[in-house]
Amino acid sequence: MDDPLTTPVAVVGGGPVGLMLALLLDRQGVPCVVLNSQADVPDQPRGSTHNARTMEHYRTLGLADRVRALGLPAGHSAGISFFTRYNAHELALLPWPGTAEVLSARAAADRADPTPEPMHRANQMYVERLLLAHARGRRGITLCYGWTVTDLREGAGHVDLVAEQEGERRVFRAAYVAGCDGGHSTVRRHLGIRYEGEGALDQDILGRRSTAAHLRVPTLYRDFLRDRGAWSNWVVNADLALNLIALDGVDEFFLLTSSVDPDRATDADLVELVRRAAGEPLPVEVLSHRPWTAGAALVAESFGAGRVRLVGDAAHLFTPNGGFGMNTGVDDAANLAWKLAAAVRGWAGPGLLDSYGTERRPVALRNTSAARTLGQGLGAVDRPAWLEADSAAGEAARAKTGAELAEYGMRTLDTLGVQLGARYDGSPIVAGDGSGPVPDSFAAYTPSAVPGGRAPHLWLDDRRTDGSSLFDRFGAGFTLLRLGPRPPATGGIEAAARARGVPLRTLTLDDPLARELYERDLVLVRPDQHIAWRADREPGDPGALLELVTGGPLDAAAGPGA
């Protein structure tokens, strides 16, 4: 088959991770085709947490404010509540800032505040619609929704994807393929790659086979939750456990429960379950429901090889606790997008694409483990038979169970270390400078300019307007920061970048706080905002530095797509 390429990159799977990869490729100027088996994005609720790192990636694309306008009303709590029943005992109430409070706090934060885009709650089905609409407006993105990829055939310098739609069969030829096609990934099966790790937790609360449902419960706020309404509203007792996650802050909720048989549950069963949780026969409308398996902590044994890579759920599966799954996938996309762009444009060394798995697989292991630990903590909460009793024993049980739930809940909320702390220490494309290890904490994030980590954030003035974040000044390619009152010359690095074809923006900042945060006069920031190198002067061989951070020496005969 001698037909020319259909596309430089084929993205298999048009969920949030696939769409983000397509949009990040578009930002790099690389066209792609997105093949998605469904004709549209799902009209069913899924995850609702967009963590601080994902919000930064939305900001890079100019979408953060539009995402923040979705989901719960601005004044709605983003926290968690726990009850024995909605009409009975409150076990724990954990407020967390909603959108209005987040934006107010951001406006008042000091210039070195590490989080320009704090976590936001908006259900994935709303955000996917936004991402899809935005992708439709990008000339470099071709959307092929309703096309199911059935086979991949790797050839010399390309991959052919066989796809079908309503009896029609078509072959798409791509230089590179990204499998963003979920836990049952066709791309992963083609590669013969298995998951490793642990399956569903053996517990009756967010473990085993569960049910996910979209409900309308019009009186839950008015008659039950009132001013105690949170984003996540749990009922926990010896009889049942369920969570009603607020979708619109009015009457729509996302139900997660293991208290009914997911393969046999009817609408009537779910209505009865919610009424038992409420303690009263309140009105409930079931809009949809589906089986779902919670509790997994699985990571692919490899993230791909050659011209094919795995991204998102195709590479790792999570328990939902903490909301780490989709967010880890979006960060995968940010890591892979610039490396695919480099391969397409011809400035990637032979090790650059392999560095994707080298860097991201340890992060997936870290994050799936963190989520599973949270899930185990929830399963360990004591739910004695007398928890609801109006007695001294019942009151003591509620105090104990409430404290355990509060501890669990705060751990799911206070996760900035997981959100922002991913590092690529030891990566073959990071030039370490001998600095000691940076602390890795579940909750606490320590800004650090040690190569391998996310670049420290800084507001450049006190207005907190568009463009006032240092991150807004980073280019789509590499950014070379020149810091301090007398930064050294950088002509050698700039010339080496031009010779190799590496996109490079030089940014000079005479800002004492920036120099203090980054601790060196020169800092090379990668397209994914991680630091590749830093020093107080240019290296003796700038070409060797560029060679290292882009994956090794170029093949003299290689061209774009090689």
Protein backbone atom coordinates (compact mmCIF):
# COMPACT_ATOMS: atom_id res chain seq x y z
CA MET A 1 0.00 0.00 0.00
CA ASP A 2 1.73 3.18 -1.18
CA ASP A 3 -0.90 5.76 -0.27
CA PRO A 4 0.40 8.85 1.55
CA LEU A 5 -0.27 9.34 5.22
CA THR A 6 -3.82 10.13 6.21
CA THR A 7 -2.48 11.96 9.26
CA PRO A 8 0.72 12.42 11.25
CA VAL A 9 -1.01 11.17 14.43
CA ALA A 10 -4.08 8.99 14.90
CA VAL A 11 -5.72 9.28 18.32
CA VAL A 12 -7.84 6.22 19.05
CA GLY A 13 -10.50 7.20 21.56
CA GLY A 14 -12.27 10.55 21.80
CA GLY A 15 -12.91 10.78 25.53
CA PRO A 16 -11.46 13.61 27.62
CA VAL A 17 -7.91 12.27 27.42
CA GLY A 18 -8.03 11.70 23.67
CA LEU A 19 -9.55 15.12 23.06
CA MET A 20 -6.95 16.78 25.28
CA LEU A 21 -4.15 15.01 23.40
CA ALA A 22 -5.64 16.18 20.10
CA LEU A 23 -5.91 19.76 21.34
CA LEU A 24 -2.36 19.74 22.72
CA LEU A 25 -1.08 18.37 19.41
CA ASP A 26 -2.99 21.14 17.65
CA ARG A 27 -1.24 23.68 19.88
CA GLN A 28 2.04 22.19 18.65
CA GLY A 29 0.89 22.64 15.06
CA VAL A 30 0.55 18.90 14.43
CA PRO A 31 -2.60 17.66 12.65
CA CYS A 32 -4.33 14.53 13.93
CA VAL A 33 -7.35 12.33 13.37
CA VAL A 34 -9.48 11.27 16.35
CA LEU A 35 -11.27 7.93 15.91
CA ASN A 36 -14.01 7.23 18.43
CA SER A 37 -16.35 4.25 18.43
CA GLN A 38 -19.29 6.23 19.83
CA ALA A 39 -21.00 8.80 17.62
CA ASP A 40 -20.91 11.43 20.37
CA VAL A 41 -19.55 11.96 23.88
CA PRO A 42 -21.48 9.99 26.54
CA ASP A 43 -24.56 11.63 27.99
CA GLN A 44 -23.91 9.91 31.32
CA PRO A 45 -22.12 11.27 34.39
CA ARG A 46 -18.66 9.99 35.20
CA GLY A 47 -15.84 11.65 37.16
CA SER A 48 -16.25 15.22 38.40
CA THR A 49 -12.78 16.20 39.64
CA HIS A 50 -10.48 18.35 37.50
CA ASN A 51 -7.41 18.71 39.62
CA ALA A 52 -5.01 21.62 39.74
CA ARG A 53 -2.65 20.14 37.14
CA THR A 54 -5.45 19.38 34.71
CA MET A 55 -6.82 22.89 35.18
CA GLU A 56 -3.36 24.21 34.24
CA HIS A 57 -3.50 22.21 31.02
CA TYR A 58 -6.94 23.68 30.32
CA ARG A 59 -5.40 27.11 30.97
CA THR A 60 -2.67 26.40 28.42
CA LEU A 61 -5.42 25.83 25.85
CA GLY A 62 -7.37 28.92 26.92
CA LEU A 63 -10.18 26.79 28.35
CA ALA A 64 -9.79 27.03 32.14
CA ASP A 65 -12.38 29.78 32.63
CA ARG A 66 -14.88 27.98 30.41
CA VAL A 67 -14.40 24.74 32.35
CA ARG A 68 -14.76 26.61 35.64
CA ALA A 69 -18.12 27.96 34.44
CA LEU A 70 -19.42 24.39 34.14
CA GLY A 71 -20.77 22.14 36.88
CA LEU A 72 -21.88 23.40 40.26
CA PRO A 73 -23.05 26.96 40.88
CA ALA A 74 -20.26 29.30 41.96
CA GLY A 75 -21.37 29.39 45.58
CA HIS A 76 -21.88 25.63 45.97
CA SER A 77 -19.56 23.76 48.32
CA ALA A 78 -17.07 21.41 46.67
CA GLY A 79 -16.78 19.42 49.88
CA ILE A 80 -18.12 16.17 51.30
CA SER A 81 -20.91 15.30 53.74
CA PHE A 82 -21.66 12.04 55.55
CA PHE A 83 -24.99 11.01 57.13
CA THR A 84 -26.48 7.88 58.59
CA ARG A 85 -29.54 8.78 56.50
CA TYR A 86 -30.28 12.08 54.83
CA ASN A 87 -33.12 12.71 57.31
CA ALA A 88 -31.19 11.52 60.33
CA HIS A 89 -27.75 11.90 61.91
CA GLU A 90 -24.94 13.95 60.42
CA LEU A 91 -21.65 12.06 60.80
CA ALA A 92 -19.22 14.58 59.28
CA LEU A 93 -19.42 17.74 57.18
CA LEU A 94 -16.28 18.77 55.32
CA PRO A 95 -16.65 22.12 53.55
CA TRP A 96 -14.35 22.84 50.61
CA PRO A 97 -14.16 26.04 48.56
CA GLY A 98 -16.49 26.31 45.59
CA THR A 99 -15.76 28.36 42.49
CA ALA A 100 -16.55 31.78 43.94
CA GLU A 101 -14.38 31.21 47.00
CA VAL A 102 -11.57 29.74 44.91
CA LEU A 103 -11.46 32.75 42.61
CA SER A 104 -11.61 35.17 45.54
CA ALA A 105 -8.72 33.39 47.26
CA ARG A 106 -6.71 33.34 44.04
CA ALA A 107 -7.14 37.10 43.65
CA ALA A 108 -5.78 37.62 47.17
CA ALA A 109 -2.95 35.06 47.03
CA ASP A 110 0.68 36.14 47.15
CA ARG A 111 2.78 36.15 44.02
CA ALA A 112 4.47 32.84 44.77
CA ASP A 113 1.20 30.97 45.24
CA PRO A 114 1.90 27.56 43.66
CA THR A 115 -1.60 26.96 42.29
CA PRO A 116 -2.80 29.28 39.53
CA GLU A 117 -5.75 27.01 38.72
CA PRO A 118 -7.11 25.21 41.81
CA MET A 119 -9.14 22.02 41.55
CA HIS A 120 -12.66 22.32 40.12
CA ARG A 121 -15.75 20.09 40.30
CA ALA A 122 -17.60 19.70 37.00
CA ASN A 123 -18.83 16.39 35.72
CA GLN A 124 -16.88 14.86 32.89
CA MET A 125 -19.93 14.75 30.60
CA TYR A 126 -20.17 18.55 30.67
CA VAL A 127 -16.45 19.08 30.10
CA GLU A 128 -16.26 16.51 27.31
CA ARG A 129 -18.93 18.45 25.41
CA LEU A 130 -16.83 21.59 25.76
CA LEU A 131 -13.66 19.83 24.62
CA LEU A 132 -15.45 18.27 21.65
CA ALA A 133 -16.97 21.60 20.60
CA HIS A 134 -13.56 23.27 20.86
CA ALA A 135 -11.91 20.48 18.85
CA ARG A 136 -14.53 20.88 16.12
CA GLY A 137 -13.34 24.44 15.64
CA ARG A 138 -9.68 23.49 15.16
CA ARG A 139 -8.66 23.01 11.53
CA GLY A 140 -5.85 20.61 12.42
CA ILE A 141 -8.16 18.12 14.16
CA THR A 142 -10.26 15.71 12.11
CA LEU A 143 -12.97 14.09 14.19
CA CYS A 144 -14.18 10.65 13.10
CA TYR A 145 -16.79 9.80 15.71
CA GLY A 146 -18.74 6.60 15.11
CA TRP A 147 -15.68 4.86 13.63
CA THR A 148 -14.55 1.74 15.53
CA VAL A 149 -10.92 0.70 15.14
CA THR A 150 -10.85 -3.07 14.68
CA ASP A 151 -7.22 -3.70 13.74
CA LEU A 152 -3.77 -2.10 13.60
CA ARG A 153 -1.09 -3.04 11.09
CA GLU A 154 2.39 -1.65 11.61
CA GLY A 155 4.52 -1.08 8.55
CA ALA A 156 7.80 0.59 7.68
CA GLY A 157 7.38 4.20 8.75
CA HIS A 158 3.62 4.07 9.42
CA VAL A 159 0.70 2.33 11.13
CA ASP A 160 -2.50 1.40 9.30
CA LEU A 161 -5.68 1.45 11.36
CA VAL A 162 -8.67 -0.50 10.07
CA ALA A 163 -11.90 1.18 11.17
CA GLU A 164 -15.57 0.42 10.55
CA GLN A 165 -18.76 2.46 10.65
CA GLU A 166 -22.21 1.03 9.85
CA GLY A 167 -20.81 -1.57 7.48
CA GLU A 168 -18.31 0.77 5.85
CA ARG A 169 -14.63 -0.10 6.20
CA ARG A 170 -11.75 2.34 5.89
CA VAL A 171 -7.99 2.31 6.45
CA PHE A 172 -6.37 5.31 8.12
CA ARG A 173 -2.60 5.56 7.75
CA ALA A 174 -0.69 7.44 10.48
CA ALA A 175 2.92 8.04 11.31
CA TYR A 176 2.11 7.54 15.02
CA VAL A 177 -0.81 6.16 17.03
CA ALA A 178 -1.97 7.07 20.54
CA GLY A 179 -4.30 4.58 22.17
CA CYS A 180 -6.69 6.57 24.37
CA ASP A 181 -9.38 3.91 24.06
CA GLY A 182 -9.99 2.96 27.67
CA GLY A 183 -9.76 -0.13 29.82
CA HIS A 184 -10.73 -2.52 27.01
CA SER A 185 -8.23 -0.88 24.66
CA THR A 186 -7.97 -2.35 21.17
CA VAL A 187 -4.60 -0.64 20.86
CA ARG A 188 -3.26 -2.27 24.02
CA ARG A 189 -4.48 -5.70 22.88
CA HIS A 190 -2.77 -5.16 19.52
CA LEU A 191 0.50 -4.51 21.35
CA GLY A 192 0.04 -7.60 23.52
CA ILE A 193 0.46 -5.52 26.67
CA ARG A 194 -1.21 -6.63 29.91
CA TYR A 195 -2.20 -4.74 33.02
CA GLU A 196 -0.28 -5.39 36.20
CA GLY A 197 -1.45 -4.67 39.73
CA GLU A 198 -4.54 -5.33 41.80
CA GLY A 199 -8.16 -5.60 40.73
CA ALA A 200 -11.30 -4.51 42.54
CA LEU A 201 -11.21 -4.13 46.32
CA ASP A 202 -13.11 -6.84 48.18
CA GLN A 203 -15.36 -4.46 50.11
CA ASP A 204 -18.99 -3.40 49.91
CA ILE A 205 -18.29 0.33 49.66
CA LEU A 206 -16.68 1.43 46.38
CA GLY A 207 -15.39 -2.06 45.79
CA ARG A 208 -16.44 -5.10 43.76
CA ARG A 209 -19.06 -4.67 41.07
CA SER A 210 -21.03 -1.47 41.62
CA THR A 211 -23.76 0.64 40.07
CA ALA A 212 -23.42 4.13 38.61
CA ALA A 213 -26.62 6.04 37.88
CA HIS A 214 -27.86 9.44 36.75
CA LEU A 215 -30.75 10.58 38.93
CA ARG A 216 -33.06 13.50 39.37
CA VAL A 217 -33.95 14.02 43.06
CA PRO A 218 -35.84 17.34 43.14
CA THR A 219 -36.40 17.65 46.91
CA LEU A 220 -33.05 16.43 48.26
CA TYR A 221 -31.66 19.93 48.84
CA ARG A 222 -34.91 21.57 49.93
CA ASP A 223 -36.17 18.95 52.36
CA PHE A 224 -33.04 17.11 53.49
CA LEU A 225 -29.60 18.60 52.85
CA ARG A 226 -30.53 22.29 53.03
CA ASP A 227 -27.38 24.24 54.00
CA ARG A 228 -25.46 21.00 54.53
CA GLY A 229 -25.44 20.15 50.84
CA ALA A 230 -21.98 19.33 49.48
CA TRP A 231 -20.55 18.16 46.19
CA SER A 232 -20.38 14.59 47.51
CA ASN A 233 -23.23 13.49 49.83
CA TRP A 234 -22.77 10.11 51.49
CA VAL A 235 -25.14 7.89 53.43
CA VAL A 236 -23.22 5.32 55.47
CA ASN A 237 -24.83 2.82 57.84
CA ALA A 238 -24.80 -0.90 58.56
CA ASP A 239 -27.52 -1.48 55.98
CA LEU A 240 -26.21 0.41 52.96
CA ALA A 241 -23.67 2.88 51.60
CA LEU A 242 -24.17 5.24 48.71
CA ASN A 243 -22.95 8.55 47.43
CA LEU A 244 -25.04 11.17 45.62
CA ILE A 245 -22.63 13.47 43.81
CA ALA A 246 -24.13 16.82 42.87
CA LEU A 247 -24.10 17.54 39.14
CA ASP A 248 -25.93 20.86 38.73
CA GLY A 249 -26.43 21.92 42.33
CA VAL A 250 -30.21 21.81 41.84
CA ASP A 251 -31.71 18.37 41.35
CA GLU A 252 -29.39 16.17 39.27
CA PHE A 253 -27.06 13.67 40.97
CA PHE A 254 -24.59 10.94 40.12
CA LEU A 255 -25.23 7.84 42.25
CA LEU A 256 -22.39 5.46 43.14
CA THR A 257 -23.24 2.39 45.21
CA SER A 258 -22.38 -1.25 45.81
CA SER A 259 -25.62 -1.82 47.74
CA VAL A 260 -27.56 -3.29 44.81
CA ASP A 261 -26.71 -5.97 42.29
CA PRO A 262 -25.42 -3.97 39.28
CA ASP A 263 -26.36 -6.68 36.79
CA ARG A 264 -29.95 -7.05 37.98
CA ALA A 265 -30.80 -3.61 39.36
CA THR A 266 -33.92 -1.99 37.89
CA ASP A 267 -34.99 1.63 38.02
CA ALA A 268 -37.40 0.67 40.80
CA ASP A 269 -34.56 -0.90 42.82
CA LEU A 270 -32.54 2.33 42.59
CA VAL A 271 -35.53 4.48 43.56
CA GLU A 272 -36.14 2.28 46.60
CA LEU A 273 -32.43 2.40 47.55
CA VAL A 274 -32.34 6.22 47.50
CA ARG A 275 -35.54 6.35 49.53
CA ARG A 276 -33.99 4.04 52.12
CA ALA A 277 -30.94 6.31 52.20
CA ALA A 278 -33.15 9.35 52.68
CA GLY A 279 -35.27 7.69 55.33
CA GLU A 280 -38.40 8.92 53.58
CA PRO A 281 -40.23 8.24 50.27
CA LEU A 282 -38.90 11.25 48.39
CA PRO A 283 -39.41 11.54 44.59
CA VAL A 284 -36.60 9.99 42.50
CA GLU A 285 -36.29 9.78 38.71
CA VAL A 286 -33.73 7.42 37.21
CA LEU A 287 -32.31 8.88 33.97
CA SER A 288 -29.78 6.09 33.32
CA HIS A 289 -27.75 3.45 35.11
CA ARG A 290 -24.95 1.04 34.31
CA PRO A 291 -22.71 -1.56 35.99
CA TRP A 292 -19.29 -0.37 37.02
CA THR A 293 -16.29 -1.91 38.78
CA ALA A 294 -14.57 0.15 41.47
CA GLY A 295 -11.35 -0.40 43.34
CA ALA A 296 -8.84 -1.33 40.62
CA ALA A 297 -5.20 -0.26 40.72
CA LEU A 298 -3.89 -1.53 37.40
CA VAL A 299 -1.01 -0.22 35.28
CA ALA A 300 0.05 -1.49 31.86
CA GLU A 301 3.35 -3.37 31.90
CA SER A 302 4.51 -1.02 29.12
CA PHE A 303 3.16 2.25 27.75
CA GLY A 304 3.88 1.24 24.17
CA ALA A 305 6.69 0.87 21.70
CA GLY A 306 7.74 1.99 18.26
CA ARG A 307 5.06 4.16 16.73
CA VAL A 308 2.26 3.23 19.14
CA ARG A 309 1.70 4.54 22.72
CA LEU A 310 -0.96 4.04 25.40
CA VAL A 311 -2.56 6.97 27.19
CA GLY A 312 -5.11 7.35 30.00
CA ASP A 313 -7.25 4.35 30.97
CA ALA A 314 -5.61 2.26 28.26
CA ALA A 315 -2.44 2.57 30.35
CA HIS A 316 -3.86 2.62 33.91
CA LEU A 317 -7.12 1.96 35.76
CA PHE A 318 -8.01 3.60 39.07
CA THR A 319 -10.38 3.32 41.97
CA PRO A 320 -12.36 6.61 41.91
CA ASN A 321 -11.25 7.74 45.37
CA GLY A 322 -9.45 11.06 45.06
CA GLY A 323 -10.43 11.58 41.42
CA PHE A 324 -6.95 10.75 40.10
CA GLY A 325 -7.84 8.64 37.04
CA MET A 326 -8.79 11.09 34.28
CA ASN A 327 -6.35 13.65 35.66
CA THR A 328 -3.42 11.25 35.39
CA GLY A 329 -4.50 10.59 31.81
CA VAL A 330 -4.58 14.29 30.93
CA ASP A 331 -1.06 14.66 32.32
CA ASP A 332 -0.03 11.67 30.18
CA ALA A 333 -1.35 13.58 27.17
CA ALA A 334 0.67 16.67 28.07
CA ASN A 335 3.84 14.59 28.31
CA LEU A 336 3.24 12.73 25.06
CA ALA A 337 1.95 15.57 22.87
CA TRP A 338 5.23 17.48 22.57
CA LYS A 339 7.20 14.28 22.03
CA LEU A 340 4.93 13.21 19.20
CA ALA A 341 5.25 16.73 17.76
CA ALA A 342 9.03 16.44 17.92
CA ALA A 343 8.89 13.07 16.15
CA VAL A 344 6.61 14.44 13.43
CA ARG A 345 8.72 17.58 12.97
CA GLY A 346 11.98 15.66 12.88
CA TRP A 347 13.77 16.99 15.98
CA ALA A 348 13.15 14.00 18.26
CA GLY A 349 16.13 11.83 19.06
CA PRO A 350 15.70 8.06 19.05
CA GLY A 351 15.01 7.95 22.80
CA LEU A 352 12.41 10.70 23.06
CA LEU A 353 9.24 8.66 22.51
CA ASP A 354 10.52 5.90 24.78
CA SER A 355 10.98 8.51 27.52
CA TYR A 356 7.17 8.85 27.63
CA GLY A 357 6.75 5.46 29.30
CA THR A 358 9.92 5.89 31.35
CA GLU A 359 8.51 9.09 32.84
CA ARG A 360 4.80 8.37 33.07
CA ARG A 361 4.64 4.75 34.21
CA PRO A 362 6.15 5.49 37.66
CA VAL A 363 3.62 8.32 38.05
CA ALA A 364 0.79 5.92 37.21
CA LEU A 365 2.07 3.45 39.82
CA ARG A 366 2.30 6.26 42.38
CA ASN A 367 -1.19 7.61 41.65
CA THR A 368 -3.02 4.27 41.42
CA SER A 369 -1.47 3.29 44.73
CA ALA A 370 -2.59 6.57 46.32
CA ALA A 371 -6.15 6.05 45.09
CA ARG A 372 -6.28 2.45 46.26
CA THR A 373 -5.01 3.46 49.69
CA LEU A 374 -7.89 5.94 49.91
CA GLY A 375 -10.35 3.24 48.89
CA GLN A 376 -9.04 0.85 51.52
CA GLY A 377 -9.36 3.60 54.12
CA LEU A 378 -13.03 4.04 53.26
CA GLY A 379 -13.65 0.29 53.40
CA ALA A 380 -12.07 0.11 56.86
CA VAL A 381 -14.52 2.59 58.40
CA ASP A 382 -16.54 0.94 61.17
CA ARG A 383 -20.29 0.67 60.47
CA PRO A 384 -21.73 -1.21 63.47
CA ALA A 385 -25.33 -2.38 63.63
CA TRP A 386 -26.11 0.18 66.37
CA LEU A 387 -24.77 3.16 64.40
CA GLU A 388 -28.29 4.61 64.01
CA ALA A 389 -29.53 3.77 67.49
CA ASP A 390 -30.83 6.59 69.70
CA SER A 391 -28.74 5.44 72.64
CA ALA A 392 -25.42 6.11 74.29
CA ALA A 393 -23.88 3.24 72.30
CA GLY A 394 -25.28 4.71 69.08
CA GLU A 395 -23.97 8.17 69.92
CA ALA A 396 -20.50 6.78 70.67
CA ALA A 397 -20.52 4.77 67.46
CA ARG A 398 -21.49 7.82 65.43
CA ALA A 399 -18.69 9.85 66.98
CA LYS A 400 -16.14 7.14 66.13
CA THR A 401 -17.46 6.49 62.62
CA GLY A 402 -17.80 10.22 61.94
CA ALA A 403 -14.17 10.81 62.93
CA GLU A 404 -13.01 7.98 60.65
CA LEU A 405 -15.09 9.31 57.76
CA ALA A 406 -13.81 12.85 58.34
CA GLU A 407 -10.23 11.59 58.23
CA TYR A 408 -10.94 9.68 55.03
CA GLY A 409 -12.79 12.62 53.48
CA MET A 410 -10.04 15.13 54.21
CA ARG A 411 -7.48 12.81 52.64
CA THR A 412 -9.53 12.72 49.44
CA LEU A 413 -9.79 16.52 49.43
CA ASP A 414 -6.30 17.49 50.55
CA THR A 415 -4.24 15.94 47.74
CA LEU A 416 -2.20 18.79 46.28
CA GLY A 417 0.97 16.72 46.59
CA VAL A 418 -0.50 14.07 44.30
CA GLN A 419 -1.95 16.69 41.96
CA LEU A 420 1.21 18.73 41.36
CA GLY A 421 4.08 16.65 42.71
CA ALA A 422 4.73 14.24 39.82
CA ARG A 423 8.45 14.23 39.03
CA TYR A 424 10.65 12.69 36.34
CA ASP A 425 13.82 12.29 38.37
CA GLY A 426 16.27 9.96 36.64
CA SER A 427 14.66 10.42 33.24
CA PRO A 428 17.17 10.06 30.40
CA ILE A 429 15.99 13.39 28.96
CA VAL A 430 16.38 15.38 32.21
CA ALA A 431 19.78 16.90 33.03
CA GLY A 432 20.06 16.41 36.79
CA ASP A 433 22.14 18.95 38.69
CA GLY A 434 23.07 16.92 41.75
CA SER A 435 20.45 18.46 44.00
CA GLY A 436 19.01 16.28 46.74
CA PRO A 437 15.63 14.54 46.43
CA VAL A 438 12.47 16.64 46.55
CA PRO A 439 9.91 15.49 49.17
CA ASP A 440 6.93 13.60 47.74
CA SER A 441 3.86 13.92 49.93
CA PHE A 442 0.24 12.87 49.48
CA ALA A 443 -1.10 16.22 50.69
CA ALA A 444 1.73 18.73 50.59
CA TYR A 445 3.27 20.11 47.42
CA THR A 446 6.78 21.56 47.65
CA PRO A 447 7.57 23.89 44.72
CA SER A 448 11.03 23.06 43.45
CA ALA A 449 13.12 23.97 40.44
CA VAL A 450 15.23 20.82 40.72
CA PRO A 451 15.23 19.36 37.18
CA GLY A 452 12.51 16.77 36.62
CA GLY A 453 9.64 18.50 38.41
CA ARG A 454 6.92 20.92 37.43
CA ALA A 455 8.25 24.46 37.13
CA PRO A 456 7.42 26.61 40.18
CA HIS A 457 4.53 28.95 39.54
CA LEU A 458 4.73 32.73 39.94
CA TRP A 459 2.31 35.58 39.35
CA LEU A 460 4.21 38.29 37.49
CA ASP A 461 2.13 41.12 38.92
CA ASP A 462 -0.66 41.63 41.43
CA ARG A 463 -3.55 41.80 38.96
CA ARG A 464 -4.14 38.04 38.49
CA THR A 465 -5.38 38.75 34.96
CA ASP A 466 -4.86 36.72 31.82
CA GLY A 467 -1.18 36.69 31.02
CA SER A 468 0.01 37.53 34.52
CA SER A 469 0.97 33.93 35.32
CA LEU A 470 4.52 32.92 34.46
CA PHE A 471 3.03 29.77 32.92
CA ASP A 472 1.21 31.98 30.38
CA ARG A 473 4.61 33.17 29.09
CA PHE A 474 5.94 29.70 28.40
CA GLY A 475 5.99 28.78 24.71
CA ALA A 476 4.52 25.75 22.98
CA GLY A 477 8.10 24.52 22.64
CA PHE A 478 10.94 24.84 25.14
CA THR A 479 11.30 28.03 27.17
CA LEU A 480 14.71 29.28 28.31
CA LEU A 481 14.40 31.46 31.40
CA ARG A 482 17.07 34.12 31.97
CA LEU A 483 16.70 35.26 35.56
CA GLY A 484 18.16 37.85 37.86
CA PRO A 485 19.56 41.35 37.31
CA ARG A 486 22.47 40.23 35.06
CA PRO A 487 21.55 36.94 33.40
CA PRO A 488 24.27 35.29 31.31
CA ALA A 489 24.23 35.15 27.54
CA THR A 490 22.32 32.28 25.95
CA GLY A 491 23.39 32.55 22.31
CA GLY A 492 24.94 29.08 22.36
CA ILE A 493 21.78 27.32 23.51
CA GLU A 494 19.67 29.34 21.07
CA ALA A 495 21.99 28.47 18.18
CA ALA A 496 21.98 24.78 19.13
CA ALA A 497 18.17 24.80 19.20
CA ARG A 498 18.03 26.39 15.75
CA ALA A 499 20.50 23.86 14.37
CA ARG A 500 18.41 20.96 15.61
CA GLY A 501 15.06 22.54 14.75
CA VAL A 502 13.90 22.67 18.37
CA PRO A 503 11.30 25.39 19.04
CA LEU A 504 12.70 27.64 21.76
CA ARG A 505 11.46 30.84 23.38
CA THR A 506 13.86 32.92 25.48
CA LEU A 507 12.24 34.77 28.38
CA THR A 508 14.23 37.30 30.42
CA LEU A 509 12.86 38.21 33.86
CA ASP A 510 14.56 40.66 36.19
CA ASP A 511 12.37 39.56 39.06
CA PRO A 512 14.06 38.75 42.40
CA LEU A 513 11.25 36.38 43.40
CA ALA A 514 11.61 34.39 40.17
CA ARG A 515 15.36 34.06 40.76
CA GLU A 516 14.69 32.96 44.34
CA LEU A 517 12.18 30.30 43.27
CA TYR A 518 14.33 28.87 40.48
CA GLU A 519 17.69 29.22 42.30
CA ARG A 520 19.71 29.53 39.08
CA ASP A 521 20.26 32.19 36.41
CA LEU A 522 19.29 29.89 33.52
CA VAL A 523 16.46 27.35 33.47
CA LEU A 524 15.26 25.27 30.52
CA VAL A 525 11.54 24.46 30.75
CA ARG A 526 10.05 21.73 28.59
CA PRO A 527 6.80 22.13 26.61
CA ASP A 528 4.95 20.24 29.39
CA GLN A 529 6.17 22.78 32.00
CA HIS A 530 8.66 20.39 33.61
CA ILE A 531 12.23 21.53 34.10
CA ALA A 532 14.82 19.89 31.86
CA TRP A 533 18.00 21.70 33.01
CA ARG A 534 19.25 24.62 35.07
CA ALA A 535 22.61 26.28 35.75
CA ASP A 536 24.19 29.67 36.30
CA ARG A 537 25.85 29.76 32.88
CA GLU A 538 25.60 28.11 29.49
CA PRO A 539 27.10 24.61 29.25
CA GLY A 540 30.39 24.18 27.47
CA ASP A 541 28.63 22.16 24.78
CA PRO A 542 25.11 23.55 24.24
CA GLY A 543 24.53 21.06 21.44
CA ALA A 544 25.06 18.15 23.82
CA LEU A 545 22.47 19.64 26.19
CA LEU A 546 19.88 19.95 23.42
CA GLU A 547 20.70 16.43 22.31
CA LEU A 548 20.11 15.07 25.83
CA VAL A 549 16.77 16.81 26.48
CA THR A 550 15.37 15.81 23.07
CA GLY A 551 16.25 12.13 23.18
CA GLY A 552 19.69 11.72 21.67
CA PRO A 553 21.52 12.33 18.40
CA LEU A 554 19.49 12.73 15.23
CA ASP A 555 19.85 10.29 12.37
CA ALA A 556 21.30 12.41 9.59
CA ALA A 557 18.99 10.70 7.12
CA ALA A 558 15.90 11.17 9.25
CA GLY A 559 13.24 13.65 8.33
CA PRO A 560 9.83 14.55 9.67
CA GLY A 561 7.93 11.46 10.74
CA ALA A 562 11.07 9.33 10.86
